[in-house]
């Protein structure tokens, strides 16, 4: 089980690193926009991401 969890974390880090590697300027601009959002908006984005992830896990399993 731990090996699957660590592989998932590793894959997440690879995917998260693609944009800053390919286009640091676009990543910086996106991050600046993110800093201007309200806490409730950030929470909604986080909740949406978690739900999409759970749906994908359900469909794959």
Protein backbone atom coordinates (compact mmCIF):
# COMPACT_ATOMS: atom_id res chain seq x y z
CA UNK A 1 0.00 0.00 0.00
CA UNK A 2 2.76 2.44 0.86
CA UNK A 3 4.40 1.93 -2.52
CA UNK A 4 1.16 2.89 -4.30
CA UNK A 5 0.78 5.96 -2.10
CA UNK A 6 4.37 7.05 -2.76
CA UNK A 7 3.93 6.50 -6.51
CA UNK A 8 0.81 8.70 -6.42
CA UNK A 9 2.71 11.44 -4.58
CA UNK A 10 5.59 11.17 -7.05
CA UNK A 11 3.22 11.43 -10.02
CA UNK A 12 1.53 14.45 -8.46
CA UNK A 13 4.92 16.16 -8.04
CA UNK A 14 5.85 15.44 -11.65
CA UNK A 15 2.54 16.89 -12.89
CA UNK A 16 2.83 19.92 -10.60
CA UNK A 17 6.34 20.61 -11.90
CA UNK A 18 5.46 20.63 -15.59
CA UNK A 19 4.11 24.20 -15.81
CA UNK A 20 6.92 25.93 -13.86
CA UNK A 21 9.46 23.97 -15.91
CA UNK A 22 7.91 24.72 -19.31
CA UNK A 23 6.73 28.28 -18.68
CA UNK A 24 7.92 29.95 -15.49
CA UNK A 25 6.40 33.29 -16.52
CA UNK A 26 2.90 31.83 -16.95
CA UNK A 27 3.27 29.94 -13.65
CA UNK A 28 4.26 33.16 -11.85
CA UNK A 29 1.30 35.05 -13.34
CA UNK A 30 -1.09 32.26 -12.36
CA UNK A 31 0.30 32.24 -8.82
CA UNK A 32 -0.13 36.04 -8.58
CA UNK A 33 -3.79 35.68 -9.58
CA UNK A 34 -4.24 32.91 -7.01
CA UNK A 35 -2.93 35.20 -4.26
CA UNK A 36 -5.72 37.68 -5.04
CA UNK A 37 -8.54 35.16 -4.48
CA UNK A 38 -10.66 35.09 -1.34
CA UNK A 39 -10.31 32.20 1.10
CA UNK A 40 -13.75 30.88 0.17
CA UNK A 41 -12.79 30.79 -3.52
CA UNK A 42 -9.59 28.88 -2.75
CA UNK A 43 -11.55 26.43 -0.58
CA UNK A 44 -14.02 25.86 -3.44
CA UNK A 45 -11.15 25.17 -5.85
CA UNK A 46 -9.64 22.72 -3.36
CA UNK A 47 -12.96 20.97 -2.80
CA UNK A 48 -13.56 20.74 -6.55
CA UNK A 49 -10.11 19.25 -7.11
CA UNK A 50 -10.67 16.66 -4.38
CA UNK A 51 -14.07 15.68 -5.79
CA UNK A 52 -12.71 15.34 -9.32
CA UNK A 53 -9.86 13.21 -7.95
CA UNK A 54 -12.29 10.97 -6.07
CA UNK A 55 -14.46 10.57 -9.16
CA UNK A 56 -11.44 9.62 -11.26
CA UNK A 57 -10.33 7.09 -8.61
CA UNK A 58 -13.82 5.61 -8.54
CA UNK A 59 -13.95 5.30 -12.33
CA UNK A 60 -10.48 3.77 -12.57
CA UNK A 61 -11.14 1.28 -9.80
